[in-house]
């Protein structure tokens, strides 16, 4: 098929065949991330990604095979922002606090991804695997029994994901509405927390994270 011409005589690029260098993994992944962050997994279609990039779906398929592969690319971008470097330089308790805070902050900004990435296999995400390696190495250096490391990581991750979702909840989520006056203990606790002036989601995250890490460290079985 020959290239068609524009009214001015300049050749028009053939549909679905972008010039070399127009598409690459980074560009596709970031366009996909924007779609899924704003609209959830249902918004992530090959057609939608192609439209966002200004190419045809057939051009996109020259670079990526499926939505599953797109999600793995997205996972790489998102997880690259999680800082696990402290495990090489800090005691385990401090490293866990820093890692968890970094992890949670990333997913506050990408909350719609949580149900997807929480169950996405990590085999296609070298950055995620490297993060786990650094965290596991921190536990190992602290003398933890190997069989306890993965359950501990998953337990903290589950709390991180829940806390990230909580941070996106409406500020009035606990307002009792028509039930005001009927739940005095809860209303008193709610008023006391609000009187501190602290962000309730941040308070909950720090309180829960410290309690979880303290509990894990207290009950650790060392090799």
N, C-alpha and C. Protein backbone atom coordinates (compact mmCIF):
# COMPACT_ATOMS: atom_id res chain seq x y z
N UNK A 1 0.85 -1.19 0.00
CA UNK A 1 0.00 0.00 0.00
C UNK A 1 0.88 1.24 0.00
N UNK A 2 0.61 2.19 -0.90
CA UNK A 2 1.39 3.40 -0.97
C UNK A 2 0.85 4.43 0.01
N UNK A 3 1.76 5.34 0.40
CA UNK A 3 1.32 6.42 1.28
C UNK A 3 0.44 7.38 0.51
N UNK A 4 -0.62 7.87 1.14
CA UNK A 4 -1.47 8.88 0.53
C UNK A 4 -0.85 10.24 0.76
N UNK A 5 -1.36 11.24 0.08
CA UNK A 5 -0.80 12.57 0.20
C UNK A 5 -1.78 13.51 0.86
N UNK A 6 -1.26 14.49 1.57
CA UNK A 6 -2.09 15.54 2.16
C UNK A 6 -2.44 16.54 1.08
N UNK A 7 -3.42 17.43 1.31
CA UNK A 7 -3.78 18.43 0.29
C UNK A 7 -2.58 19.24 -0.17
N UNK A 8 -1.58 19.45 0.71
CA UNK A 8 -0.42 20.22 0.33
C UNK A 8 0.63 19.42 -0.41
N UNK A 9 0.37 18.14 -0.59
CA UNK A 9 1.29 17.31 -1.34
C UNK A 9 2.25 16.51 -0.48
N UNK A 10 2.31 16.77 0.83
CA UNK A 10 3.23 16.02 1.69
C UNK A 10 2.66 14.63 1.95
N UNK A 11 3.51 13.62 1.97
CA UNK A 11 3.01 12.25 2.19
C UNK A 11 2.43 12.09 3.59
N UNK A 12 1.32 11.37 3.67
CA UNK A 12 0.66 11.10 4.95
C UNK A 12 1.08 9.72 5.42
N UNK A 13 1.37 9.60 6.71
CA UNK A 13 1.76 8.32 7.27
C UNK A 13 0.63 7.31 7.13
N UNK A 14 0.97 6.09 6.80
CA UNK A 14 -0.05 5.05 6.67
C UNK A 14 -0.64 4.71 8.03
N UNK A 15 -1.94 4.42 8.05
CA UNK A 15 -2.64 4.09 9.28
C UNK A 15 -2.03 2.84 9.90
N UNK A 16 -1.74 2.93 11.21
CA UNK A 16 -1.24 1.76 11.91
C UNK A 16 0.24 1.52 11.75
N UNK A 17 0.96 2.39 11.05
CA UNK A 17 2.38 2.20 10.85
C UNK A 17 3.13 3.48 11.22
N UNK A 18 3.22 3.77 12.53
CA UNK A 18 3.89 5.01 12.94
C UNK A 18 5.37 5.00 12.59
N UNK A 19 5.95 6.17 12.41
CA UNK A 19 7.36 6.25 12.11
C UNK A 19 8.17 5.63 13.24
N UNK A 20 9.32 5.08 12.91
CA UNK A 20 10.19 4.44 13.88
C UNK A 20 10.49 5.40 15.03
N UNK A 21 10.38 4.90 16.26
CA UNK A 21 10.69 5.70 17.43
C UNK A 21 9.49 6.40 18.04
N UNK A 22 8.34 6.41 17.35
CA UNK A 22 7.16 7.07 17.90
C UNK A 22 6.67 6.34 19.13
N UNK A 23 6.63 5.03 19.08
CA UNK A 23 6.17 4.23 20.20
C UNK A 23 7.34 3.51 20.87
N UNK A 24 7.32 3.46 22.18
CA UNK A 24 8.24 2.61 22.92
C UNK A 24 7.54 2.17 24.20
N UNK A 25 8.17 1.29 24.93
CA UNK A 25 7.54 0.71 26.12
C UNK A 25 7.18 1.78 27.14
N UNK A 26 8.07 2.72 27.38
CA UNK A 26 7.83 3.76 28.38
C UNK A 26 6.61 4.60 28.02
N UNK A 27 6.53 5.01 26.78
CA UNK A 27 5.42 5.84 26.32
C UNK A 27 4.09 5.09 26.44
N UNK A 28 4.08 3.85 26.01
CA UNK A 28 2.86 3.04 26.08
C UNK A 28 2.46 2.81 27.54
N UNK A 29 3.43 2.48 28.38
CA UNK A 29 3.13 2.19 29.78
C UNK A 29 2.57 3.41 30.50
N UNK A 30 3.12 4.58 30.23
CA UNK A 30 2.64 5.78 30.93
C UNK A 30 1.25 6.18 30.45
N UNK A 31 0.97 6.00 29.17
CA UNK A 31 -0.38 6.26 28.67
C UNK A 31 -1.37 5.29 29.31
N UNK A 32 -0.97 4.05 29.45
CA UNK A 32 -1.82 3.03 30.06
C UNK A 32 -2.05 3.32 31.53
N UNK A 33 -0.99 3.75 32.21
CA UNK A 33 -1.10 4.08 33.64
C UNK A 33 -2.10 5.22 33.84
N UNK A 34 -2.03 6.21 32.99
CA UNK A 34 -2.96 7.35 33.09
C UNK A 34 -4.40 6.89 32.92
N UNK A 35 -4.63 6.00 31.99
CA UNK A 35 -5.99 5.50 31.75
C UNK A 35 -6.52 4.71 32.94
N UNK A 36 -5.71 3.78 33.44
CA UNK A 36 -6.20 2.91 34.50
C UNK A 36 -6.31 3.65 35.83
N UNK A 37 -5.47 4.66 36.04
CA UNK A 37 -5.55 5.45 37.27
C UNK A 37 -6.82 6.29 37.30
N UNK A 38 -7.19 6.81 36.15
CA UNK A 38 -8.37 7.68 36.10
C UNK A 38 -9.68 6.90 35.96
N UNK A 39 -9.62 5.74 35.30
CA UNK A 39 -10.86 5.03 35.03
C UNK A 39 -10.95 3.60 35.49
N UNK A 40 -9.89 3.09 36.13
CA UNK A 40 -9.90 1.70 36.56
C UNK A 40 -9.58 0.74 35.44
N UNK A 41 -9.60 -0.54 35.78
CA UNK A 41 -9.18 -1.56 34.82
C UNK A 41 -10.07 -1.61 33.59
N UNK A 42 -11.35 -1.33 33.74
CA UNK A 42 -12.25 -1.39 32.58
C UNK A 42 -11.91 -0.33 31.54
N UNK A 43 -11.27 0.75 31.98
CA UNK A 43 -10.89 1.80 31.04
C UNK A 43 -9.65 1.44 30.24
N UNK A 44 -8.94 0.41 30.71
CA UNK A 44 -7.71 0.02 30.05
C UNK A 44 -8.01 -1.00 28.94
N UNK A 45 -8.14 -0.52 27.73
CA UNK A 45 -8.31 -1.38 26.56
C UNK A 45 -7.24 -1.00 25.55
N UNK A 46 -6.93 -1.93 24.69
CA UNK A 46 -5.91 -1.65 23.68
C UNK A 46 -6.36 -0.50 22.78
N UNK A 47 -7.66 -0.45 22.50
CA UNK A 47 -8.18 0.63 21.67
C UNK A 47 -8.02 1.98 22.35
N UNK A 48 -8.30 2.01 23.66
CA UNK A 48 -8.19 3.26 24.40
C UNK A 48 -6.74 3.73 24.49
N UNK A 49 -5.83 2.79 24.70
CA UNK A 49 -4.41 3.15 24.75
C UNK A 49 -3.95 3.67 23.39
N UNK A 50 -4.37 2.97 22.33
CA UNK A 50 -3.99 3.40 20.98
C UNK A 50 -4.52 4.81 20.70
N UNK A 51 -5.76 5.06 21.09
CA UNK A 51 -6.35 6.39 20.87
C UNK A 51 -5.58 7.46 21.64
N UNK A 52 -5.21 7.15 22.89
CA UNK A 52 -4.46 8.11 23.70
C UNK A 52 -3.11 8.44 23.09
N UNK A 53 -2.55 7.47 22.39
CA UNK A 53 -1.24 7.66 21.77
C UNK A 53 -1.33 8.18 20.34
N UNK A 54 -2.55 8.23 19.80
CA UNK A 54 -2.73 8.72 18.44
C UNK A 54 -2.28 7.74 17.37
N UNK A 55 -2.40 6.44 17.67
CA UNK A 55 -2.04 5.42 16.69
C UNK A 55 -3.19 4.43 16.57
N UNK A 56 -3.07 3.51 15.64
CA UNK A 56 -4.08 2.48 15.49
C UNK A 56 -3.79 1.32 16.44
N UNK A 57 -4.81 0.54 16.80
CA UNK A 57 -4.57 -0.64 17.64
C UNK A 57 -3.55 -1.59 17.05
N UNK A 58 -3.55 -1.72 15.72
CA UNK A 58 -2.59 -2.64 15.10
C UNK A 58 -1.15 -2.17 15.33
N UNK A 59 -0.93 -0.86 15.36
CA UNK A 59 0.41 -0.34 15.65
C UNK A 59 0.81 -0.67 17.08
N UNK A 60 -0.15 -0.59 17.99
CA UNK A 60 0.13 -0.89 19.39
C UNK A 60 0.51 -2.35 19.56
N UNK A 61 -0.18 -3.24 18.84
CA UNK A 61 0.10 -4.66 18.96
C UNK A 61 1.47 -5.04 18.41
N UNK A 62 2.10 -4.14 17.71
CA UNK A 62 3.48 -4.39 17.28
C UNK A 62 4.45 -4.30 18.46
N UNK A 63 3.98 -3.72 19.58
CA UNK A 63 4.86 -3.49 20.72
C UNK A 63 4.43 -4.26 21.98
N UNK A 64 3.16 -4.51 22.13
CA UNK A 64 2.66 -5.17 23.34
C UNK A 64 1.58 -6.17 22.94
N UNK A 65 1.58 -7.33 23.60
CA UNK A 65 0.71 -8.41 23.18
C UNK A 65 -0.68 -8.39 23.80
N UNK A 66 -0.81 -7.88 25.03
CA UNK A 66 -2.08 -8.03 25.73
C UNK A 66 -2.21 -7.03 26.87
N UNK A 67 -3.42 -6.95 27.44
CA UNK A 67 -3.64 -6.12 28.62
C UNK A 67 -2.81 -6.62 29.80
N UNK A 68 -2.64 -7.93 29.89
CA UNK A 68 -1.83 -8.49 30.97
C UNK A 68 -0.40 -7.95 30.91
N UNK A 69 0.15 -7.90 29.71
CA UNK A 69 1.50 -7.36 29.56
C UNK A 69 1.52 -5.86 29.88
N UNK A 70 0.48 -5.14 29.46
CA UNK A 70 0.38 -3.73 29.80
C UNK A 70 0.39 -3.52 31.32
N UNK A 71 -0.36 -4.36 32.04
CA UNK A 71 -0.41 -4.23 33.49
C UNK A 71 0.97 -4.49 34.10
N UNK A 72 1.73 -5.42 33.54
CA UNK A 72 3.07 -5.66 34.05
C UNK A 72 3.98 -4.46 33.81
N UNK A 73 3.80 -3.79 32.68
CA UNK A 73 4.57 -2.58 32.42
C UNK A 73 4.18 -1.47 33.39
N UNK A 74 2.88 -1.36 33.65
CA UNK A 74 2.39 -0.38 34.61
C UNK A 74 2.96 -0.67 35.99
N UNK A 75 2.95 -1.93 36.35
CA UNK A 75 3.49 -2.34 37.64
C UNK A 75 4.95 -1.91 37.80
N UNK A 76 5.73 -2.05 36.75
CA UNK A 76 7.13 -1.64 36.78
C UNK A 76 7.27 -0.14 37.07
N UNK A 77 6.46 0.67 36.40
CA UNK A 77 6.54 2.11 36.60
C UNK A 77 6.16 2.48 38.02
N UNK A 78 5.06 1.93 38.51
CA UNK A 78 4.56 2.29 39.84
C UNK A 78 5.52 1.82 40.93
N UNK A 79 5.96 0.56 40.84
CA UNK A 79 6.81 0.02 41.89
C UNK A 79 8.20 0.64 41.90
N UNK A 80 8.60 1.25 40.80
CA UNK A 80 9.90 1.91 40.75
C UNK A 80 9.95 3.09 41.71
N UNK A 81 8.77 3.59 42.11
CA UNK A 81 8.73 4.71 43.04
C UNK A 81 8.81 4.30 44.50
N UNK A 82 8.72 3.01 44.79
CA UNK A 82 8.78 2.53 46.17
C UNK A 82 10.24 2.43 46.60
N UNK A 83 10.57 3.09 47.71
CA UNK A 83 11.95 3.15 48.19
C UNK A 83 12.21 2.04 49.22
N UNK A 84 13.01 1.07 48.83
CA UNK A 84 13.38 -0.02 49.74
C UNK A 84 14.86 0.01 50.07
N UNK A 85 15.53 1.14 49.80
CA UNK A 85 16.98 1.22 49.98
C UNK A 85 17.40 1.16 51.45
N UNK A 86 16.51 1.53 52.37
CA UNK A 86 16.88 1.59 53.79
C UNK A 86 17.23 0.23 54.36
N UNK A 87 16.78 -0.83 53.72
CA UNK A 87 17.07 -2.16 54.26
C UNK A 87 18.56 -2.49 54.22
N UNK A 88 19.31 -1.79 53.37
CA UNK A 88 20.75 -2.04 53.28
C UNK A 88 21.54 -1.22 54.29
N UNK A 89 20.89 -0.23 54.91
CA UNK A 89 21.65 0.71 55.75
C UNK A 89 21.07 0.92 57.15
N UNK A 90 19.84 0.48 57.38
CA UNK A 90 19.18 0.78 58.65
C UNK A 90 18.75 -0.51 59.37
N UNK A 91 18.56 -0.43 60.68
CA UNK A 91 17.98 -1.58 61.40
C UNK A 91 16.61 -1.92 60.82
N UNK A 92 16.21 -3.16 60.99
CA UNK A 92 14.99 -3.65 60.35
C UNK A 92 13.77 -2.80 60.69
N UNK A 93 13.59 -2.43 61.93
CA UNK A 93 12.41 -1.65 62.32
C UNK A 93 12.33 -0.33 61.56
N UNK A 94 13.44 0.40 61.51
CA UNK A 94 13.46 1.67 60.80
C UNK A 94 13.26 1.49 59.30
N UNK A 95 13.88 0.45 58.76
CA UNK A 95 13.75 0.18 57.33
C UNK A 95 12.31 -0.14 56.95
N UNK A 96 11.64 -0.93 57.78
CA UNK A 96 10.24 -1.27 57.52
C UNK A 96 9.36 -0.03 57.57
N UNK A 97 9.59 0.84 58.53
CA UNK A 97 8.80 2.06 58.63
C UNK A 97 8.97 2.94 57.39
N UNK A 98 10.21 3.09 56.93
CA UNK A 98 10.47 3.93 55.76
C UNK A 98 9.90 3.30 54.49
N UNK A 99 10.12 2.01 54.34
CA UNK A 99 9.61 1.30 53.15
C UNK A 99 8.10 1.37 53.08
N UNK A 100 7.44 1.07 54.19
CA UNK A 100 5.98 1.05 54.21
C UNK A 100 5.40 2.43 53.92
N UNK A 101 6.02 3.48 54.46
CA UNK A 101 5.53 4.83 54.21
C UNK A 101 5.68 5.20 52.74
N UNK A 102 6.81 4.84 52.14
CA UNK A 102 7.03 5.10 50.72
C UNK A 102 6.03 4.34 49.86
N UNK A 103 5.84 3.09 50.20
CA UNK A 103 4.92 2.20 49.47
C UNK A 103 3.49 2.75 49.52
N UNK A 104 3.08 3.13 50.71
CA UNK A 104 1.72 3.64 50.89
C UNK A 104 1.51 4.94 50.14
N UNK A 105 2.51 5.84 50.19
CA UNK A 105 2.37 7.12 49.49
C UNK A 105 2.22 6.94 47.99
N UNK A 106 2.94 5.98 47.43
CA UNK A 106 2.82 5.70 45.99
C UNK A 106 1.40 5.27 45.65
N UNK A 107 0.82 4.41 46.47
CA UNK A 107 -0.50 3.88 46.14
C UNK A 107 -1.64 4.79 46.55
N UNK A 108 -1.38 5.77 47.39
CA UNK A 108 -2.38 6.82 47.60
C UNK A 108 -2.64 7.54 46.29
N UNK A 109 -1.57 7.74 45.52
CA UNK A 109 -1.70 8.41 44.23
C UNK A 109 -2.21 7.50 43.12
N UNK A 110 -2.23 6.19 43.37
CA UNK A 110 -2.66 5.23 42.35
C UNK A 110 -3.64 4.22 42.95
N UNK A 111 -4.57 4.71 43.76
CA UNK A 111 -5.50 3.82 44.46
C UNK A 111 -6.27 2.87 43.55
N UNK A 112 -6.72 3.28 42.34
CA UNK A 112 -7.46 2.34 41.50
C UNK A 112 -6.65 1.12 41.08
N UNK A 113 -5.32 1.21 41.21
CA UNK A 113 -4.47 0.09 40.82
C UNK A 113 -4.38 -0.99 41.90
N UNK A 114 -4.78 -0.67 43.11
CA UNK A 114 -4.57 -1.59 44.23
C UNK A 114 -5.20 -2.96 44.00
N UNK A 115 -6.50 -3.05 43.61
CA UNK A 115 -7.08 -4.39 43.39
C UNK A 115 -6.40 -5.16 42.27
N UNK A 116 -5.72 -4.46 41.38
CA UNK A 116 -5.07 -5.10 40.24
C UNK A 116 -3.67 -5.56 40.59
N UNK A 117 -2.86 -4.65 41.11
CA UNK A 117 -1.47 -4.98 41.40
C UNK A 117 -1.35 -5.91 42.60
N UNK A 118 -2.31 -5.84 43.53
CA UNK A 118 -2.26 -6.72 44.71
C UNK A 118 -2.30 -8.19 44.34
N UNK A 119 -2.88 -8.51 43.19
CA UNK A 119 -3.00 -9.92 42.78
C UNK A 119 -2.27 -10.20 41.47
N UNK A 120 -1.48 -9.25 40.99
CA UNK A 120 -0.78 -9.42 39.72
C UNK A 120 0.52 -10.20 39.95
N UNK A 121 0.76 -11.27 39.18
CA UNK A 121 2.03 -11.99 39.31
C UNK A 121 3.21 -11.05 39.09
N UNK A 122 4.26 -11.26 39.84
CA UNK A 122 5.40 -10.34 39.78
C UNK A 122 6.47 -10.80 38.78
N UNK A 123 6.25 -11.91 38.11
CA UNK A 123 7.28 -12.45 37.22
C UNK A 123 7.65 -11.49 36.10
N UNK A 124 6.72 -10.64 35.69
CA UNK A 124 6.99 -9.70 34.62
C UNK A 124 7.45 -8.34 35.10
N UNK A 125 7.79 -8.22 36.38
CA UNK A 125 8.18 -6.93 36.95
C UNK A 125 9.50 -7.07 37.71
N UNK A 126 10.63 -6.93 37.02
CA UNK A 126 11.93 -7.03 37.70
C UNK A 126 12.10 -6.05 38.85
N UNK A 127 11.52 -4.85 38.71
CA UNK A 127 11.66 -3.86 39.80
C UNK A 127 10.93 -4.34 41.05
N UNK A 128 9.77 -4.93 40.90
CA UNK A 128 9.05 -5.45 42.06
C UNK A 128 9.83 -6.57 42.72
N UNK A 129 10.38 -7.45 41.91
CA UNK A 129 11.18 -8.56 42.44
C UNK A 129 12.41 -8.05 43.17
N UNK A 130 13.04 -7.01 42.63
CA UNK A 130 14.21 -6.44 43.30
C UNK A 130 13.83 -5.82 44.63
N UNK A 131 12.65 -5.18 44.68
CA UNK A 131 12.18 -4.63 45.94
C UNK A 131 12.02 -5.74 46.98
N UNK A 132 11.38 -6.83 46.58
CA UNK A 132 11.20 -7.94 47.51
C UNK A 132 12.55 -8.51 47.96
N UNK A 133 13.49 -8.56 47.04
CA UNK A 133 14.82 -9.06 47.39
C UNK A 133 15.46 -8.19 48.47
N UNK A 134 15.34 -6.88 48.33
CA UNK A 134 15.93 -5.96 49.31
C UNK A 134 15.24 -6.07 50.66
N UNK A 135 13.91 -6.23 50.64
CA UNK A 135 13.18 -6.38 51.91
C UNK A 135 13.54 -7.70 52.57
N UNK A 136 13.55 -8.78 51.80
CA UNK A 136 13.89 -10.09 52.35
C UNK A 136 15.31 -10.11 52.89
N UNK A 137 16.22 -9.42 52.20
CA UNK A 137 17.61 -9.35 52.67
C UNK A 137 17.68 -8.64 54.02
N UNK A 138 16.83 -7.62 54.20
CA UNK A 138 16.80 -6.92 55.49
C UNK A 138 16.35 -7.83 56.62
N UNK A 139 15.31 -8.61 56.36
CA UNK A 139 14.86 -9.59 57.36
C UNK A 139 15.96 -10.62 57.64
N UNK A 140 16.61 -11.07 56.59
CA UNK A 140 17.65 -12.09 56.75
C UNK A 140 18.81 -11.56 57.57
N UNK A 141 19.25 -10.34 57.29
CA UNK A 141 20.35 -9.75 58.05
C UNK A 141 19.98 -9.57 59.52
N UNK A 142 18.68 -9.38 59.78
CA UNK A 142 18.22 -9.24 61.17
C UNK A 142 18.09 -10.59 61.86
N UNK A 143 18.38 -11.67 61.13
CA UNK A 143 18.40 -13.00 61.74
C UNK A 143 17.08 -13.73 61.75
N UNK A 144 16.12 -13.27 60.95
CA UNK A 144 14.81 -13.90 60.96
C UNK A 144 14.84 -15.30 60.36
N UNK A 145 13.98 -16.14 60.90
CA UNK A 145 13.77 -17.47 60.34
C UNK A 145 13.18 -17.33 58.93
N UNK A 146 13.73 -18.01 57.96
CA UNK A 146 13.33 -17.84 56.57
C UNK A 146 11.84 -18.05 56.34
N UNK A 147 11.25 -19.00 57.03
CA UNK A 147 9.84 -19.31 56.80
C UNK A 147 8.91 -18.20 57.28
N UNK A 148 9.42 -17.25 58.06
CA UNK A 148 8.58 -16.16 58.57
C UNK A 148 8.63 -14.91 57.69
N UNK A 149 9.57 -14.85 56.77
CA UNK A 149 9.80 -13.61 56.03
C UNK A 149 8.64 -13.27 55.09
N UNK A 150 8.24 -14.22 54.25
CA UNK A 150 7.18 -13.93 53.28
C UNK A 150 5.86 -13.61 53.96
N UNK A 151 5.42 -14.39 54.96
CA UNK A 151 4.17 -14.01 55.63
C UNK A 151 4.22 -12.61 56.23
N UNK A 152 5.37 -12.22 56.75
CA UNK A 152 5.50 -10.88 57.34
C UNK A 152 5.41 -9.80 56.28
N UNK A 153 6.06 -10.01 55.14
CA UNK A 153 6.00 -9.04 54.05
C UNK A 153 4.56 -8.89 53.55
N UNK A 154 3.88 -10.01 53.35
CA UNK A 154 2.51 -9.97 52.83
C UNK A 154 1.57 -9.31 53.83
N UNK A 155 1.77 -9.57 55.11
CA UNK A 155 0.93 -8.94 56.14
C UNK A 155 1.08 -7.43 56.11
N UNK A 156 2.31 -6.95 56.01
CA UNK A 156 2.54 -5.50 55.96
C UNK A 156 1.98 -4.91 54.67
N UNK A 157 2.19 -5.60 53.56
CA UNK A 157 1.65 -5.13 52.28
C UNK A 157 0.13 -5.00 52.34
N UNK A 158 -0.54 -5.97 52.92
CA UNK A 158 -2.00 -5.93 53.01
C UNK A 158 -2.44 -4.69 53.79
N UNK A 159 -1.73 -4.38 54.85
CA UNK A 159 -2.03 -3.18 55.64
C UNK A 159 -1.76 -1.92 54.82
N UNK A 160 -0.67 -1.91 54.07
CA UNK A 160 -0.31 -0.76 53.23
C UNK A 160 -1.42 -0.48 52.22
N UNK A 161 -1.89 -1.52 51.53
CA UNK A 161 -2.92 -1.33 50.52
C UNK A 161 -4.21 -0.79 51.15
N UNK A 162 -4.59 -1.35 52.28
CA UNK A 162 -5.79 -0.87 52.96
C UNK A 162 -5.65 0.58 53.41
N UNK A 163 -4.46 0.92 53.90
CA UNK A 163 -4.22 2.30 54.35
C UNK A 163 -4.23 3.27 53.19
N UNK A 164 -3.73 2.85 52.03
CA UNK A 164 -3.75 3.71 50.85
C UNK A 164 -5.19 3.99 50.42
N UNK A 165 -6.04 2.99 50.48
CA UNK A 165 -7.45 3.19 50.15
C UNK A 165 -8.12 4.10 51.17
N UNK A 166 -7.79 3.91 52.44
CA UNK A 166 -8.37 4.74 53.49
C UNK A 166 -8.02 6.21 53.29
N UNK A 167 -6.81 6.48 52.78
CA UNK A 167 -6.38 7.85 52.57
C UNK A 167 -7.18 8.56 51.49
N UNK A 168 -7.86 7.79 50.65
CA UNK A 168 -8.67 8.39 49.58
C UNK A 168 -10.15 8.46 49.94
N UNK A 169 -10.50 8.01 51.15
CA UNK A 169 -11.90 8.01 51.57
C UNK A 169 -12.39 9.44 51.85
N UNK A 170 -13.70 9.68 51.76
CA UNK A 170 -14.24 11.02 52.08
C UNK A 170 -13.92 11.42 53.52
N UNK A 171 -13.71 12.70 53.74
CA UNK A 171 -13.37 13.18 55.08
C UNK A 171 -14.51 12.95 56.07
N UNK A 172 -15.75 12.88 55.57
CA UNK A 172 -16.90 12.71 56.46
C UNK A 172 -17.36 11.26 56.55
N UNK A 173 -16.47 10.32 56.26
CA UNK A 173 -16.86 8.92 56.19
C UNK A 173 -17.45 8.42 57.51
N UNK A 174 -17.01 8.97 58.65
CA UNK A 174 -17.49 8.50 59.94
C UNK A 174 -18.60 9.36 60.54
N UNK A 175 -19.05 10.38 59.84
CA UNK A 175 -20.14 11.20 60.37
C UNK A 175 -21.39 10.34 60.58
N UNK A 176 -21.98 10.38 61.75
CA UNK A 176 -23.11 9.49 62.05
C UNK A 176 -24.43 9.89 61.40
N UNK A 177 -24.53 11.11 60.89
CA UNK A 177 -25.78 11.53 60.25
C UNK A 177 -26.94 11.52 61.21
N UNK A 178 -28.03 10.85 60.78
CA UNK A 178 -29.24 10.81 61.59
C UNK A 178 -29.06 10.04 62.89
N UNK A 179 -27.97 9.29 63.01
CA UNK A 179 -27.72 8.50 64.22
C UNK A 179 -26.94 9.27 65.27
N UNK A 180 -26.66 10.53 65.02
CA UNK A 180 -25.93 11.35 66.00
C UNK A 180 -26.67 11.37 67.33
N UNK A 181 -25.91 11.20 68.40
CA UNK A 181 -26.48 11.17 69.74
C UNK A 181 -26.78 9.77 70.23
N UNK A 182 -26.81 8.80 69.32
CA UNK A 182 -27.12 7.42 69.70
C UNK A 182 -25.87 6.57 69.90
N UNK A 183 -24.70 7.11 69.55
CA UNK A 183 -23.45 6.34 69.66
C UNK A 183 -22.41 7.21 70.38
N UNK A 184 -22.65 7.49 71.66
CA UNK A 184 -21.84 8.47 72.38
C UNK A 184 -20.35 8.11 72.48
N UNK A 185 -20.04 6.84 72.64
CA UNK A 185 -18.63 6.45 72.79
C UNK A 185 -17.88 6.69 71.48
N UNK A 186 -18.49 6.30 70.38
CA UNK A 186 -17.84 6.49 69.08
C UNK A 186 -17.75 7.97 68.73
N UNK A 187 -18.82 8.70 69.00
CA UNK A 187 -18.81 10.14 68.70
C UNK A 187 -17.78 10.87 69.55
N UNK A 188 -17.62 10.44 70.80
CA UNK A 188 -16.62 11.05 71.66
C UNK A 188 -15.22 10.81 71.15
N UNK A 189 -14.97 9.57 70.72
CA UNK A 189 -13.65 9.23 70.18
C UNK A 189 -13.40 9.99 68.88
N UNK A 190 -14.42 10.12 68.07
CA UNK A 190 -14.30 10.84 66.79
C UNK A 190 -14.00 12.32 67.04
N UNK A 191 -14.69 12.91 67.98
CA UNK A 191 -14.46 14.31 68.30
C UNK A 191 -13.06 14.53 68.85
N UNK A 192 -12.59 13.60 69.67
CA UNK A 192 -11.25 13.73 70.25
C UNK A 192 -10.18 13.65 69.17
N UNK A 193 -10.38 12.76 68.23
CA UNK A 193 -9.39 12.66 67.15
C UNK A 193 -9.38 13.92 66.30
N UNK A 194 -10.55 14.43 66.00
CA UNK A 194 -10.63 15.65 65.19
C UNK A 194 -10.03 16.84 65.92
N UNK A 195 -10.13 16.85 67.24
CA UNK A 195 -9.59 17.96 68.03
C UNK A 195 -8.07 18.02 67.96
N UNK A 196 -7.44 16.91 67.63
CA UNK A 196 -5.98 16.90 67.51
C UNK A 196 -5.52 17.72 66.30
N UNK A 197 -6.40 17.87 65.32
CA UNK A 197 -6.03 18.55 64.09
C UNK A 197 -5.24 17.69 63.14
N UNK A 198 -5.02 16.43 63.49
CA UNK A 198 -4.26 15.52 62.64
C UNK A 198 -5.14 14.90 61.56
N UNK A 199 -4.53 14.56 60.45
CA UNK A 199 -5.23 13.83 59.40
C UNK A 199 -5.56 12.43 59.92
N UNK A 200 -6.83 12.05 59.89
CA UNK A 200 -7.25 10.79 60.50
C UNK A 200 -6.64 9.58 59.79
N UNK A 201 -6.53 9.66 58.47
CA UNK A 201 -5.95 8.54 57.73
C UNK A 201 -4.47 8.38 58.05
N UNK A 202 -3.78 9.50 58.19
CA UNK A 202 -2.35 9.45 58.54
C UNK A 202 -2.16 8.91 59.95
N UNK A 203 -3.00 9.37 60.87
CA UNK A 203 -2.95 8.85 62.25
C UNK A 203 -3.16 7.34 62.27
N UNK A 204 -4.16 6.89 61.54
CA UNK A 204 -4.47 5.47 61.51
C UNK A 204 -3.32 4.66 60.93
N UNK A 205 -2.71 5.18 59.86
CA UNK A 205 -1.60 4.47 59.22
C UNK A 205 -0.41 4.34 60.17
N UNK A 206 0.00 5.43 60.77
CA UNK A 206 1.16 5.39 61.66
C UNK A 206 0.88 4.51 62.88
N UNK A 207 -0.32 4.64 63.46
CA UNK A 207 -0.68 3.83 64.62
C UNK A 207 -0.66 2.35 64.29
N UNK A 208 -1.30 2.00 63.17
CA UNK A 208 -1.37 0.59 62.79
C UNK A 208 -0.03 0.03 62.37
N UNK A 209 0.75 0.82 61.63
CA UNK A 209 2.05 0.33 61.16
C UNK A 209 3.00 0.08 62.33
N UNK A 210 3.05 1.02 63.26
CA UNK A 210 3.94 0.83 64.41
C UNK A 210 3.51 -0.39 65.23
N UNK A 211 2.20 -0.55 65.41
CA UNK A 211 1.72 -1.70 66.17
C UNK A 211 2.05 -3.01 65.46
N UNK A 212 1.89 -3.03 64.15
CA UNK A 212 2.17 -4.24 63.39
C UNK A 212 3.64 -4.60 63.45
N UNK A 213 4.50 -3.62 63.21
CA UNK A 213 5.94 -3.89 63.20
C UNK A 213 6.41 -4.29 64.60
N UNK A 214 5.90 -3.60 65.63
CA UNK A 214 6.26 -3.96 67.00
C UNK A 214 5.86 -5.39 67.30
N UNK A 215 4.66 -5.77 66.88
CA UNK A 215 4.19 -7.13 67.10
C UNK A 215 5.01 -8.17 66.36
N UNK A 216 5.34 -7.87 65.11
CA UNK A 216 6.15 -8.81 64.32
C UNK A 216 7.53 -9.00 64.94
N UNK A 217 8.14 -7.89 65.35
CA UNK A 217 9.47 -7.99 65.93
C UNK A 217 9.44 -8.73 67.26
N UNK A 218 8.40 -8.51 68.04
CA UNK A 218 8.29 -9.15 69.36
C UNK A 218 8.09 -10.65 69.24
N UNK A 219 7.46 -11.08 68.14
CA UNK A 219 7.14 -12.50 68.00
C UNK A 219 8.03 -13.21 66.97
N UNK A 220 9.07 -12.54 66.54
CA UNK A 220 9.95 -13.14 65.52
C UNK A 220 10.70 -14.34 66.07
N UNK A 221 10.80 -15.35 65.23
CA UNK A 221 11.65 -16.50 65.53
C UNK A 221 12.94 -16.33 64.74
N UNK A 222 14.06 -16.26 65.44
CA UNK A 222 15.33 -16.03 64.80
C UNK A 222 16.06 -17.33 64.55
N UNK A 223 16.79 -17.34 63.44
CA UNK A 223 17.59 -18.54 63.12
C UNK A 223 18.78 -18.62 64.06
